[in-house]
C-alpha atoms as a PDB file:
ATOM      1  CA  UNK A   1     100.101  71.662  66.062  1.00  0.00           C
ATOM      2  CA  UNK A   2      97.204  69.230  65.651  1.00  0.00           C
ATOM      3  CA  UNK A   3      94.323  70.695  63.646  1.00  0.00           C
ATOM      4  CA  UNK A   4      90.730  70.055  64.629  1.00  0.00           C
ATOM      5  CA  UNK A   5      87.594  70.636  62.599  1.00  0.00           C
ATOM      6  CA  UNK A   6      84.925  73.012  63.801  1.00  0.00           C
ATOM      7  CA  UNK A   7      82.589  70.097  64.524  1.00  0.00           C
ATOM      8  CA  UNK A   8      85.048  67.904  66.447  1.00  0.00           C
ATOM      9  CA  UNK A   9      84.666  67.629  70.211  1.00  0.00           C
ATOM     10  CA  UNK A  10      88.065  68.009  71.836  1.00  0.00           C
ATOM     11  CA  UNK A  11      88.480  67.794  75.602  1.00  0.00           C
ATOM     12  CA  UNK A  12      91.369  69.572  77.260  1.00  0.00           C
ATOM     13  CA  UNK A  13      92.863  66.179  78.149  1.00  0.00           C
ATOM     14  CA  UNK A  14      92.767  65.008  74.533  1.00  0.00           C
ATOM     15  CA  UNK A  15      94.225  68.305  73.347  1.00  0.00           C
ATOM     16  CA  UNK A  16      97.111  68.146  75.828  1.00  0.00           C
ATOM     17  CA  UNK A  17      97.890  64.545  74.883  1.00  0.00           C
ATOM     18  CA  UNK A  18      97.917  65.368  71.161  1.00  0.00           C
ATOM     19  CA  UNK A  19     100.149  68.392  71.746  1.00  0.00           C
ATOM     20  CA  UNK A  20     102.491  66.249  73.841  1.00  0.00           C
ATOM     21  CA  UNK A  21     102.943  63.851  70.925  1.00  0.00           C
ATOM     22  CA  UNK A  22     104.616  66.681  69.022  1.00  0.00           C
ATOM     23  CA  UNK A  23     107.397  66.597  71.617  1.00  0.00           C
ATOM     24  CA  UNK A  24     108.846  63.061  71.896  1.00  0.00           C
ATOM     25  CA  UNK A  25     111.163  64.190  74.696  1.00  0.00           C
ATOM     26  CA  UNK A  26     108.212  65.173  76.918  1.00  0.00           C
ATOM     27  CA  UNK A  27     107.876  63.271  80.192  1.00  0.00           C
ATOM     28  CA  UNK A  28     104.203  64.074  80.715  1.00  0.00           C
ATOM     29  CA  UNK A  29     104.874  65.998  83.948  1.00  0.00           C
ATOM     30  CA  UNK A  30     103.841  69.362  82.529  1.00  0.00           C
ATOM     31  CA  UNK A  31     100.722  67.785  81.066  1.00  0.00           C
ATOM     32  CA  UNK A  32      99.909  66.400  84.495  1.00  0.00           C
ATOM     33  CA  UNK A  33     100.232  69.858  86.033  1.00  0.00           C
ATOM     34  CA  UNK A  34      97.730  71.223  83.512  1.00  0.00           C
ATOM     35  CA  UNK A  35      95.298  68.344  84.227  1.00  0.00           C
ATOM     36  CA  UNK A  36      95.500  69.005  87.963  1.00  0.00           C
ATOM     37  CA  UNK A  37      94.975  72.741  87.462  1.00  0.00           C
ATOM     38  CA  UNK A  38      91.917  71.953  85.339  1.00  0.00           C
ATOM     39  CA  UNK A  39      90.515  69.849  88.177  1.00  0.00           C
ATOM     40  CA  UNK A  40      91.170  72.620  90.699  1.00  0.00           C
ATOM     41  CA  UNK A  41      89.450  75.095  88.360  1.00  0.00           C
ATOM     42  CA  UNK A  42      86.329  72.926  88.249  1.00  0.00           C
ATOM     43  CA  UNK A  43      86.234  72.788  92.034  1.00  0.00           C
ATOM     44  CA  UNK A  44      86.679  76.557  92.365  1.00  0.00           C
ATOM     45  CA  UNK A  45      84.036  77.178  89.679  1.00  0.00           C
ATOM     46  CA  UNK A  46      81.600  75.112  91.712  1.00  0.00           C
ATOM     47  CA  UNK A  47      82.323  77.171  94.841  1.00  0.00           C
ATOM     48  CA  UNK A  48      82.001  80.457  92.940  1.00  0.00           C
ATOM     49  CA  UNK A  49      78.629  79.402  91.492  1.00  0.00           C
ATOM     50  CA  UNK A  50      77.241  78.466  94.883  1.00  0.00           C
ATOM     51  CA  UNK A  51      78.935  81.221  96.907  1.00  0.00           C
ATOM     52  CA  UNK A  52      75.765  83.190  97.606  1.00  0.00           C
ATOM     53  CA  UNK A  53      73.923  80.048  98.738  1.00  0.00           C
ATOM     54  CA  UNK A  54      76.694  78.430 100.756  1.00  0.00           C
ATOM     55  CA  UNK A  55      77.475  81.446 102.967  1.00  0.00           C
ATOM     56  CA  UNK A  56      81.064  81.778 101.729  1.00  0.00           C
ATOM     57  CA  UNK A  57      80.791  85.329 100.464  1.00  0.00           C
ATOM     58  CA  UNK A  58      82.413  88.212 102.281  1.00  0.00           C
ATOM     59  CA  UNK A  59      85.698  88.958 104.011  1.00  0.00           C
ATOM     60  CA  UNK A  60      87.615  87.125 106.700  1.00  0.00           C
ATOM     61  CA  UNK A  61      89.270  88.815 109.669  1.00  0.00           C
ATOM     62  CA  UNK A  62      92.712  88.189 108.175  1.00  0.00           C
ATOM     63  CA  UNK A  63      94.988  90.099 105.812  1.00  0.00           C
ATOM     64  CA  UNK A  64      97.254  88.533 103.212  1.00  0.00           C
ATOM     65  CA  UNK A  65     100.934  89.364 102.749  1.00  0.00           C
ATOM     66  CA  UNK A  66      99.904  92.302 100.549  1.00  0.00           C
ATOM     67  CA  UNK A  67      98.068  93.907 103.481  1.00  0.00           C
ATOM     68  CA  UNK A  68      94.712  93.257 101.804  1.00  0.00           C
ATOM     69  CA  UNK A  69      91.712  91.821 103.618  1.00  0.00           C
ATOM     70  CA  UNK A  70      91.257  88.225 102.517  1.00  0.00           C
ATOM     71  CA  UNK A  71      87.916  87.161 101.128  1.00  0.00           C
ATOM     72  CA  UNK A  72      86.569  83.794 102.205  1.00  0.00           C
ATOM     73  CA  UNK A  73      86.713  82.562  98.632  1.00  0.00           C
ATOM     74  CA  UNK A  74      90.373  83.653  98.402  1.00  0.00           C
ATOM     75  CA  UNK A  75      91.273  81.330 101.252  1.00  0.00           C
ATOM     76  CA  UNK A  76      89.096  78.508  99.973  1.00  0.00           C
ATOM     77  CA  UNK A  77      90.464  78.764  96.422  1.00  0.00           C
ATOM     78  CA  UNK A  78      94.035  78.860  97.709  1.00  0.00           C
ATOM     79  CA  UNK A  79      93.465  75.674  99.716  1.00  0.00           C
ATOM     80  CA  UNK A  80      91.843  73.922  96.750  1.00  0.00           C
ATOM     81  CA  UNK A  81      94.814  74.606  94.480  1.00  0.00           C
ATOM     82  CA  UNK A  82      97.416  73.602  97.078  1.00  0.00           C
ATOM     83  CA  UNK A  83      95.643  70.323  97.862  1.00  0.00           C
ATOM     84  CA  UNK A  84      95.102  69.545  94.180  1.00  0.00           C
ATOM     85  CA  UNK A  85      98.755  70.123  93.321  1.00  0.00           C
ATOM     86  CA  UNK A  86     100.926  69.054  96.278  1.00  0.00           C
ATOM     87  CA  UNK A  87     100.795  65.261  95.920  1.00  0.00           C
ATOM     88  CA  UNK A  88     101.249  64.630  92.189  1.00  0.00           C
ATOM     89  CA  UNK A  89     105.040  64.369  92.263  1.00  0.00           C
ATOM     90  CA  UNK A  90     105.397  67.015  89.551  1.00  0.00           C
ATOM     91  CA  UNK A  91     106.094  70.119  91.637  1.00  0.00           C
ATOM     92  CA  UNK A  92     108.975  70.928  93.957  1.00  0.00           C
ATOM     93  CA  UNK A  93     107.299  74.009  95.441  1.00  0.00           C
ATOM     94  CA  UNK A  94     104.489  76.529  95.027  1.00  0.00           C
ATOM     95  CA  UNK A  95     103.983  80.208  95.761  1.00  0.00           C
ATOM     96  CA  UNK A  96     100.663  82.008  96.145  1.00  0.00           C
ATOM     97  CA  UNK A  97      99.687  85.646  96.228  1.00  0.00           C
ATOM     98  CA  UNK A  98      97.828  84.790  99.429  1.00  0.00           C
ATOM     99  CA  UNK A  99     100.773  83.307 101.354  1.00  0.00           C
ATOM    100  CA  UNK A 100     103.934  85.073 102.570  1.00  0.00           C
ATOM    101  CA  UNK A 101     106.513  82.442 101.666  1.00  0.00           C
ATOM    102  CA  UNK A 102     107.186  79.377  99.551  1.00  0.00           C
ATOM    103  CA  UNK A 103     104.696  76.532  99.904  1.00  0.00           C
ATOM    104  CA  UNK A 104     106.796  73.385 100.187  1.00  0.00           C
ATOM    105  CA  UNK A 105     105.705  69.929  99.078  1.00  0.00           C
ATOM    106  CA  UNK A 106     104.981  67.740 102.140  1.00  0.00           C
ATOM    107  CA  UNK A 107     107.745  65.245 102.929  1.00  0.00           C
ATOM    108  CA  UNK A 108     105.504  62.247 102.299  1.00  0.00           C
ATOM    109  CA  UNK A 109     105.106  63.220  98.617  1.00  0.00           C
ATOM    110  CA  UNK A 110     107.657  63.040  95.810  1.00  0.00           C
ATOM    111  CA  UNK A 111     109.082  66.316  94.510  1.00  0.00           C
ATOM    112  CA  UNK A 112     109.181  67.061  90.785  1.00  0.00           C
ATOM    113  CA  UNK A 113     111.077  69.505  88.591  1.00  0.00           C
ATOM    114  CA  UNK A 114     108.553  72.345  88.275  1.00  0.00           C
ATOM    115  CA  UNK A 115     107.442  75.295  90.404  1.00  0.00           C
ATOM    116  CA  UNK A 116     103.906  76.694  90.360  1.00  0.00           C
ATOM    117  CA  UNK A 117     103.019  80.309  91.165  1.00  0.00           C
ATOM    118  CA  UNK A 118      99.404  81.421  91.266  1.00  0.00           C
ATOM    119  CA  UNK A 119      96.807  83.997  92.176  1.00  0.00           C
ATOM    120  CA  UNK A 120      93.990  81.743  93.431  1.00  0.00           C
ATOM    121  CA  UNK A 121      91.103  84.159  92.916  1.00  0.00           C
ATOM    122  CA  UNK A 122      91.945  87.425  91.197  1.00  0.00           C
ATOM    123  CA  UNK A 123      89.273  90.113  91.586  1.00  0.00           C
ATOM    124  CA  UNK A 124      87.701  88.373  94.563  1.00  0.00           C
ATOM    125  CA  UNK A 125      86.662  91.693  96.137  1.00  0.00           C
ATOM    126  CA  UNK A 126      84.105  91.888  93.315  1.00  0.00           C
ATOM    127  CA  UNK A 127      82.547  88.494  93.975  1.00  0.00           C
ATOM    128  CA  UNK A 128      79.842  89.918  96.245  1.00  0.00           C
ATOM    129  CA  UNK A 129      78.418  91.882  93.302  1.00  0.00           C
ATOM    130  CA  UNK A 130      78.627  88.990  90.810  1.00  0.00           C
ATOM    131  CA  UNK A 131      81.506  90.380  88.721  1.00  0.00           C
ATOM    132  CA  UNK A 132      83.637  87.746  86.895  1.00  0.00           C
ATOM    133  CA  UNK A 133      86.733  86.625  88.801  1.00  0.00           C
ATOM    134  CA  UNK A 134      89.594  84.361  87.847  1.00  0.00           C
ATOM    135  CA  UNK A 135      92.583  82.175  88.682  1.00  0.00           C
ATOM    136  CA  UNK A 136      96.007  82.951  87.181  1.00  0.00           C
ATOM    137  CA  UNK A 137      98.947  80.530  87.120  1.00  0.00           C
ATOM    138  CA  UNK A 138     102.575  80.336  86.027  1.00  0.00           C
ATOM    139  CA  UNK A 139     104.916  77.328  85.751  1.00  0.00           C
ATOM    140  CA  UNK A 140     108.733  77.431  85.655  1.00  0.00           C
ATOM    141  CA  UNK A 141     111.389  74.702  85.714  1.00  0.00           C
ATOM    142  CA  UNK A 142     113.403  74.127  88.860  1.00  0.00           C
ATOM    143  CA  UNK A 143     116.960  75.441  88.515  1.00  0.00           C
ATOM    144  CA  UNK A 144     118.407  74.638  91.962  1.00  0.00           C
ATOM    145  CA  UNK A 145     119.774  71.203  92.824  1.00  0.00           C
ATOM    146  CA  UNK A 146     118.093  70.375  96.124  1.00  0.00           C
ATOM    147  CA  UNK A 147     114.972  68.288  96.615  1.00  0.00           C
ATOM    148  CA  UNK A 148     112.719  71.193  97.497  1.00  0.00           C
ATOM    149  CA  UNK A 149     112.116  74.378  95.550  1.00  0.00           C
ATOM    150  CA  UNK A 150     113.955  77.486  96.685  1.00  0.00           C
ATOM    151  CA  UNK A 151     113.472  81.227  96.286  1.00  0.00           C
ATOM    152  CA  UNK A 152     115.931  81.217  93.376  1.00  0.00           C
ATOM    153  CA  UNK A 153     113.608  78.881  91.473  1.00  0.00           C
ATOM    154  CA  UNK A 154     110.736  81.327  91.819  1.00  0.00           C
ATOM    155  CA  UNK A 155     112.698  84.483  90.995  1.00  0.00           C
ATOM    156  CA  UNK A 156     113.230  83.751  87.304  1.00  0.00           C
ATOM    157  CA  UNK A 157     112.414  86.215  84.507  1.00  0.00           C
ATOM    158  CA  UNK A 158     109.027  85.619  82.921  1.00  0.00           C
ATOM    159  CA  UNK A 159     110.627  84.573  79.621  1.00  0.00           C
ATOM    160  CA  UNK A 160     111.622  81.309  81.339  1.00  0.00           C
ATOM    161  CA  UNK A 161     108.037  80.235  81.949  1.00  0.00           C
ATOM    162  CA  UNK A 162     107.139  76.890  80.419  1.00  0.00           C
ATOM    163  CA  UNK A 163     103.386  77.305  80.881  1.00  0.00           C
ATOM    164  CA  UNK A 164     100.945  79.984  81.991  1.00  0.00           C
ATOM    165  CA  UNK A 165      97.225  80.434  81.975  1.00  0.00           C
ATOM    166  CA  UNK A 166      94.102  81.720  83.612  1.00  0.00           C
ATOM    167  CA  UNK A 167      90.585  80.576  84.365  1.00  0.00           C
ATOM    168  CA  UNK A 168      87.726  83.054  84.182  1.00  0.00           C
ATOM    169  CA  UNK A 169      84.583  82.317  86.194  1.00  0.00           C
ATOM    170  CA  UNK A 170      81.856  84.296  84.457  1.00  0.00           C
ATOM    171  CA  UNK A 171      78.694  83.490  82.502  1.00  0.00           C
ATOM    172  CA  UNK A 172      80.706  80.442  81.508  1.00  0.00           C
ATOM    173  CA  UNK A 173      83.953  79.069  82.937  1.00  0.00           C
ATOM    174  CA  UNK A 174      86.898  79.212  80.548  1.00  0.00           C
ATOM    175  CA  UNK A 175      90.482  78.022  80.909  1.00  0.00           C
ATOM    176  CA  UNK A 176      93.039  79.688  78.637  1.00  0.00           C
ATOM    177  CA  UNK A 177      96.666  78.581  78.601  1.00  0.00           C
ATOM    178  CA  UNK A 178      99.906  78.460  76.654  1.00  0.00           C
ATOM    179  CA  UNK A 179     102.967  76.226  76.764  1.00  0.00           C
ATOM    180  CA  UNK A 180     104.784  78.370  74.229  1.00  0.00           C
ATOM    181  CA  UNK A 181     102.950  76.852  71.265  1.00  0.00           C
ATOM    182  CA  UNK A 182     100.147  79.377  70.857  1.00  0.00           C
ATOM    183  CA  UNK A 183      97.206  80.211  73.107  1.00  0.00           C
ATOM    184  CA  UNK A 184      94.147  77.990  73.388  1.00  0.00           C
ATOM    185  CA  UNK A 185      90.865  78.420  75.240  1.00  0.00           C
ATOM    186  CA  UNK A 186      88.580  75.737  76.682  1.00  0.00           C
ATOM    187  CA  UNK A 187      85.027  76.241  77.938  1.00  0.00           C
ATOM    188  CA  UNK A 188      83.651  74.112  80.748  1.00  0.00           C
ATOM    189  CA  UNK A 189      80.565  72.129  79.755  1.00  0.00           C
ATOM    190  CA  UNK A 190      78.820  71.703  83.108  1.00  0.00           C
ATOM    191  CA  UNK A 191      76.560  68.946  81.790  1.00  0.00           C
ATOM    192  CA  UNK A 192      79.542  66.595  81.375  1.00  0.00           C
ATOM    193  CA  UNK A 193      82.084  68.302  83.635  1.00  0.00           C
ATOM    194  CA  UNK A 194      84.691  68.663  80.895  1.00  0.00           C
ATOM    195  CA  UNK A 195      86.664  71.570  79.460  1.00  0.00           C
ATOM    196  CA  UNK A 196      86.114  71.527  75.678  1.00  0.00           C
ATOM    197  CA  UNK A 197      88.249  73.307  73.091  1.00  0.00           C
ATOM    198  CA  UNK A 198      86.306  76.417  72.096  1.00  0.00           C
ATOM    199  CA  UNK A 199      88.973  78.979  71.137  1.00  0.00           C
ATOM    200  CA  UNK A 200      91.911  77.360  69.308  1.00  0.00           C
ATOM    201  CA  UNK A 201      94.966  79.447  68.473  1.00  0.00           C
ATOM    202  CA  UNK A 202      93.756  82.778  69.895  1.00  0.00           C
ATOM    203  CA  UNK A 203      95.250  85.855  68.193  1.00  0.00           C
ATOM    204  CA  UNK A 204      94.849  89.342  69.595  1.00  0.00           C
ATOM    205  CA  UNK A 205      94.303  92.149  67.038  1.00  0.00           C
ATOM    206  CA  UNK A 206      97.380  94.369  66.620  1.00  0.00           C
ATOM    207  CA  UNK A 207      95.266  97.494  67.127  1.00  0.00           C
ATOM    208  CA  UNK A 208      92.999  97.795  70.104  1.00  0.00           C
ATOM    209  CA  UNK A 209      89.306  98.548  70.437  1.00  0.00           C
ATOM    210  CA  UNK A 210      89.175  98.922  74.203  1.00  0.00           C
ATOM    211  CA  UNK A 211      91.026 100.818  76.915  1.00  0.00           C
ATOM    212  CA  UNK A 212      90.851  99.324  80.408  1.00  0.00           C
ATOM    213  CA  UNK A 213      92.183 101.706  83.039  1.00  0.00           C
ATOM    214  CA  UNK A 214      91.032 103.134  86.367  1.00  0.00           C
ATOM    215  CA  UNK A 215      90.746 106.864  85.650  1.00  0.00           C
ATOM    216  CA  UNK A 216      90.192 107.695  89.304  1.00  0.00           C
ATOM    217  CA  UNK A 217      93.991 107.688  89.739  1.00  0.00           C
ATOM    218  CA  UNK A 218      94.528 110.323  87.048  1.00  0.00           C
ATOM    219  CA  UNK A 219      95.534 113.014  89.546  1.00  0.00           C
ATOM    220  CA  UNK A 220      98.275 110.679  90.837  1.00  0.00           C
ATOM    221  CA  UNK A 221      99.748 109.836  87.403  1.00  0.00           C
ATOM    222  CA  UNK A 222     102.899 111.331  85.917  1.00  0.00           C
ATOM    223  CA  UNK A 223     102.669 113.696  82.939  1.00  0.00           C
ATOM    224  CA  UNK A 224     103.860 110.865  80.711  1.00  0.00           C
ATOM    225  CA  UNK A 225     101.060 108.540  81.767  1.00  0.00           C
ATOM    226  CA  UNK A 226      98.480 111.310  81.287  1.00  0.00           C
ATOM    227  CA  UNK A 227      99.826 111.880  77.765  1.00  0.00           C
ATOM    228  CA  UNK A 228      99.510 108.169  76.948  1.00  0.00           C
ATOM    229  CA  UNK A 229      95.917 108.058  78.182  1.00  0.00           C
ATOM    230  CA  UNK A 230      94.979 111.156  76.194  1.00  0.00           C
ATOM    231  CA  UNK A 231      96.369 109.523  73.066  1.00  0.00           C
ATOM    232  CA  UNK A 232      94.362 106.363  73.723  1.00  0.00           C
ATOM    233  CA  UNK A 233      91.229 108.479  74.040  1.00  0.00           C
ATOM    234  CA  UNK A 234      91.933 110.318  70.787  1.00  0.00           C
ATOM    235  CA  UNK A 235      92.500 113.641  72.591  1.00  0.00           C
ATOM    236  CA  UNK A 236      96.190 114.085  71.775  1.00  0.00           C
ATOM    237  CA  UNK A 237      97.548 113.388  68.287  1.00  0.00           C
ATOM    238  CA  UNK A 238      96.012 111.294  65.541  1.00  0.00           C
ATOM    239  CA  UNK A 239      95.538 108.043  67.455  1.00  0.00           C
ATOM    240  CA  UNK A 240      92.122 106.465  66.970  1.00  0.00           C
ATOM    241  CA  UNK A 241      90.024 106.796  70.129  1.00  0.00           C
ATOM    242  CA  UNK A 242      89.589 103.578  72.104  1.00  0.00           C
ATOM    243  CA  UNK A 243      86.367 102.750  73.932  1.00  0.00           C
ATOM    244  CA  UNK A 244      86.802 102.695  77.699  1.00  0.00           C
ATOM    245  CA  UNK A 245      85.786  99.372  79.229  1.00  0.00           C
ATOM    246  CA  UNK A 246      86.926  98.745  82.810  1.00  0.00           C
ATOM    247  CA  UNK A 247      85.563  95.939  84.972  1.00  0.00           C
ATOM    248  CA  UNK A 248      88.142  96.216  87.753  1.00  0.00           C
ATOM    249  CA  UNK A 249      88.802  92.472  87.646  1.00  0.00           C
ATOM    250  CA  UNK A 250      92.137  91.894  85.867  1.00  0.00           C
ATOM    251  CA  UNK A 251      91.209  88.525  84.365  1.00  0.00           C
ATOM    252  CA  UNK A 252      87.897  89.842  83.045  1.00  0.00           C
ATOM    253  CA  UNK A 253      89.453  92.953  81.487  1.00  0.00           C
ATOM    254  CA  UNK A 254      92.387  91.004  80.051  1.00  0.00           C
ATOM    255  CA  UNK A 255      90.127  88.281  78.602  1.00  0.00           C
ATOM    256  CA  UNK A 256      87.915  90.778  76.782  1.00  0.00           C
ATOM    257  CA  UNK A 257      90.903  92.595  75.325  1.00  0.00           C
ATOM    258  CA  UNK A 258      92.632  89.348  74.331  1.00  0.00           C
ATOM    259  CA  UNK A 259      89.629  88.318  72.244  1.00  0.00           C
ATOM    260  CA  UNK A 260      88.538  91.735  70.959  1.00  0.00           C
ATOM    261  CA  UNK A 261      91.711  93.816  70.976  1.00  0.00           C
ATOM    262  CA  UNK A 262      92.642  96.459  73.486  1.00  0.00           C
ATOM    263  CA  UNK A 263      94.961  97.405  76.300  1.00  0.00           C
ATOM    264  CA  UNK A 264      94.773  97.016  80.050  1.00  0.00           C
ATOM    265  CA  UNK A 265      96.848  99.582  81.921  1.00  0.00           C
ATOM    266  CA  UNK A 266      97.679  99.848  85.606  1.00  0.00           C
ATOM    267  CA  UNK A 267     100.356 102.567  85.664  1.00  0.00           C
ATOM    268  CA  UNK A 268     102.594 103.485  88.539  1.00  0.00           C
ATOM    269  CA  UNK A 269     101.285 106.465  90.507  1.00  0.00           C
ATOM    270  CA  UNK A 270     102.194 108.564  93.519  1.00  0.00           C
ATOM    271  CA  UNK A 271     100.426 106.112  95.826  1.00  0.00           C
ATOM    272  CA  UNK A 272     102.001 103.020  94.219  1.00  0.00           C
ATOM    273  CA  UNK A 273     105.289 104.179  92.637  1.00  0.00           C
ATOM    274  CA  UNK A 274     106.323 100.569  91.942  1.00  0.00           C
ATOM    275  CA  UNK A 275     102.925  99.662  90.562  1.00  0.00           C
ATOM    276  CA  UNK A 276     100.273  97.537  92.220  1.00  0.00           C
ATOM    277  CA  UNK A 277      99.971  94.282  90.261  1.00  0.00           C
ATOM    278  CA  UNK A 278     102.165  91.334  91.204  1.00  0.00           C
ATOM    279  CA  UNK A 279     104.927  90.429  88.783  1.00  0.00           C
ATOM    280  CA  UNK A 280     105.065  86.690  89.455  1.00  0.00           C
ATOM    281  CA  UNK A 281     101.378  85.923  89.942  1.00  0.00           C
ATOM    282  CA  UNK A 282      99.690  88.289  87.482  1.00  0.00           C
ATOM    283  CA  UNK A 283     101.946  90.221  85.097  1.00  0.00           C
ATOM    284  CA  UNK A 284     104.336  87.431  84.030  1.00  0.00           C
ATOM    285  CA  UNK A 285     101.757  84.741  83.221  1.00  0.00           C
ATOM    286  CA  UNK A 286      99.459  87.147  81.371  1.00  0.00           C
ATOM    287  CA  UNK A 287     102.446  88.627  79.508  1.00  0.00           C
ATOM    288  CA  UNK A 288     103.484  85.134  78.344  1.00  0.00           C
ATOM    289  CA  UNK A 289      99.945  84.505  77.125  1.00  0.00           C
ATOM    290  CA  UNK A 290      99.553  87.817  75.316  1.00  0.00           C
ATOM    291  CA  UNK A 291     102.917  87.517  73.549  1.00  0.00           C
ATOM    292  CA  UNK A 292     102.029  84.018  72.379  1.00  0.00           C
ATOM    293  CA  UNK A 293      98.808  85.505  70.980  1.00  0.00           C
ATOM    294  CA  UNK A 294     100.688  88.228  69.068  1.00  0.00           C
ATOM    295  CA  UNK A 295     100.377  91.006  71.643  1.00  0.00           C
ATOM    296  CA  UNK A 296     102.805  92.669  74.025  1.00  0.00           C
ATOM    297  CA  UNK A 297     103.316  93.655  77.644  1.00  0.00           C
ATOM    298  CA  UNK A 298     105.607  96.230  79.215  1.00  0.00           C
ATOM    299  CA  UNK A 299     106.054  97.955  82.555  1.00  0.00           C
ATOM    300  CA  UNK A 300     106.313 101.347  80.885  1.00  0.00           C
ATOM    301  CA  UNK A 301     109.997 101.076  80.040  1.00  0.00           C
ATOM    302  CA  UNK A 302     110.801  97.441  79.298  1.00  0.00           C
ATOM    303  CA  UNK A 303     109.255  94.134  78.267  1.00  0.00           C
ATOM    304  CA  UNK A 304     107.623  92.495  81.284  1.00  0.00           C
ATOM    305  CA  UNK A 305     109.103  89.074  80.491  1.00  0.00           C
ATOM    306  CA  UNK A 306     112.629  90.522  80.717  1.00  0.00           C
ATOM    307  CA  UNK A 307     112.230  91.922  84.240  1.00  0.00           C
ATOM    308  CA  UNK A 308     114.477  90.146  86.763  1.00  0.00           C
ATOM    309  CA  UNK A 309     112.401  89.507  89.904  1.00  0.00           C
ATOM    310  CA  UNK A 310     114.036  90.244  93.251  1.00  0.00           C
ATOM    311  CA  UNK A 311     111.103  89.579  95.599  1.00  0.00           C
ATOM    312  CA  UNK A 312     108.432  86.901  95.817  1.00  0.00           C
ATOM    313  CA  UNK A 313     105.656  89.500  96.009  1.00  0.00           C
ATOM    314  CA  UNK A 314     107.224  92.131  93.771  1.00  0.00           C
ATOM    315  CA  UNK A 315     104.861  94.665  92.223  1.00  0.00           C
ATOM    316  CA  UNK A 316     105.014  96.210  88.778  1.00  0.00           C
ATOM    317  CA  UNK A 317     103.252  98.739  86.557  1.00  0.00           C
ATOM    318  CA  UNK A 318     101.587  96.999  83.618  1.00  0.00           C
ATOM    319  CA  UNK A 319     100.541  97.860  80.069  1.00  0.00           C
ATOM    320  CA  UNK A 320      99.290  94.727  78.331  1.00  0.00           C
ATOM    321  CA  UNK A 321      97.299  93.897  75.226  1.00  0.00           C
ATOM    322  CA  UNK A 322      97.377  94.732  71.518  1.00  0.00           C
ATOM    323  CA  UNK A 323     100.925  95.208  70.253  1.00  0.00           C
ATOM    324  CA  UNK A 324     100.546  98.668  68.737  1.00  0.00           C
ATOM    325  CA  UNK A 325      98.886 100.070  71.861  1.00  0.00           C
ATOM    326  CA  UNK A 326     101.598  98.723  74.167  1.00  0.00           C
ATOM    327  CA  UNK A 327     104.323 100.056  71.874  1.00  0.00           C
ATOM    328  CA  UNK A 328     102.694 103.506  71.996  1.00  0.00           C
ATOM    329  CA  UNK A 329     102.877 103.500  75.805  1.00  0.00           C
ATOM    330  CA  UNK A 330     106.482 102.360  75.846  1.00  0.00           C
ATOM    331  CA  UNK A 331     107.467 104.918  73.213  1.00  0.00           C
ATOM    332  CA  UNK A 332     105.957 107.834  75.159  1.00  0.00           C
ATOM    333  CA  UNK A 333     107.044 106.700  78.610  1.00  0.00           C
ATOM    334  CA  UNK A 334     110.633 106.066  77.490  1.00  0.00           C
ATOM    335  CA  UNK A 335     111.039 109.749  76.555  1.00  0.00           C
ATOM    336  CA  UNK A 336     112.696 112.170  78.972  1.00  0.00           C
ATOM    337  CA  UNK A 337     110.065 113.969  81.048  1.00  0.00           C
ATOM    338  CA  UNK A 338     110.785 117.322  79.413  1.00  0.00           C
ATOM    339  CA  UNK A 339     109.952 115.908  75.951  1.00  0.00           C
ATOM    340  CA  UNK A 340     106.629 114.310  76.888  1.00  0.00           C
ATOM    341  CA  UNK A 341     103.831 116.148  75.106  1.00  0.00           C
ATOM    342  CA  UNK A 342     106.299 118.284  73.161  1.00  0.00           C
END
């Protein structure tokens, strides 16, 4: 990895190029995907900043494949990413949380050897009240032999990702990504329109400070999940109490915990027995990032990156963040029900 001094100004483009030099076999296609995603992020950031002035807040009359009412910015962000990515010749297909099926590359454009999966605007239901939102993305290599990407290409375990990242649109806009060589964060300088390296080699503390969970579902949790949450709060056993911090925007909660240490939990419950978060668009990319930063992610019983997807919009429970906190959840939830709390 190329080292930079604290006073050096490193753009995301320069950083990607220098990282690419460490891999002589690289074709530059993955780097190009990251450039294009950076451009899309700048365009979305501009729309998010001006949303209240440009009359693009609020919901549409449509629902996405998840049965959720689409926000106007969801649709706009989805279109921005598709149009930024479909003509570069690096992708063979895309999939979005907002669309029911695979997004194919138009016939007039060359197809590449990568697939992109993304959540265009995570937390968009909070945009009306000025809560930070984000974009999440995942890149895998094509494994089928045809020109276009197929469902089999998308349904690969998360451990096969070659890149993943997110962009958080908050008081500043940050892009955080990994290609399997550590996790690096870049902050957008609006005065020059460039993402600059601001958080090299991010490492998450092994022990958490924060617990991010929606307690309103407590009555729907299993006894095992209740036991885990009591331990996190210092009410059961000798575990140090974590401070509860819950924004309700996955990217915002994950970003805080990545930098400060903590765990985000969205357990299965009676209403959502398979969990609510999407494996391909949310859990897998964030799990790749957190593991590269020294953390962990599980679905309550197994490592998220080892889950074999069977559906494009598959849901999953998620416990993600500091390693010791995730291991506590997996240890408790792996016990037979009759031993929980014993």
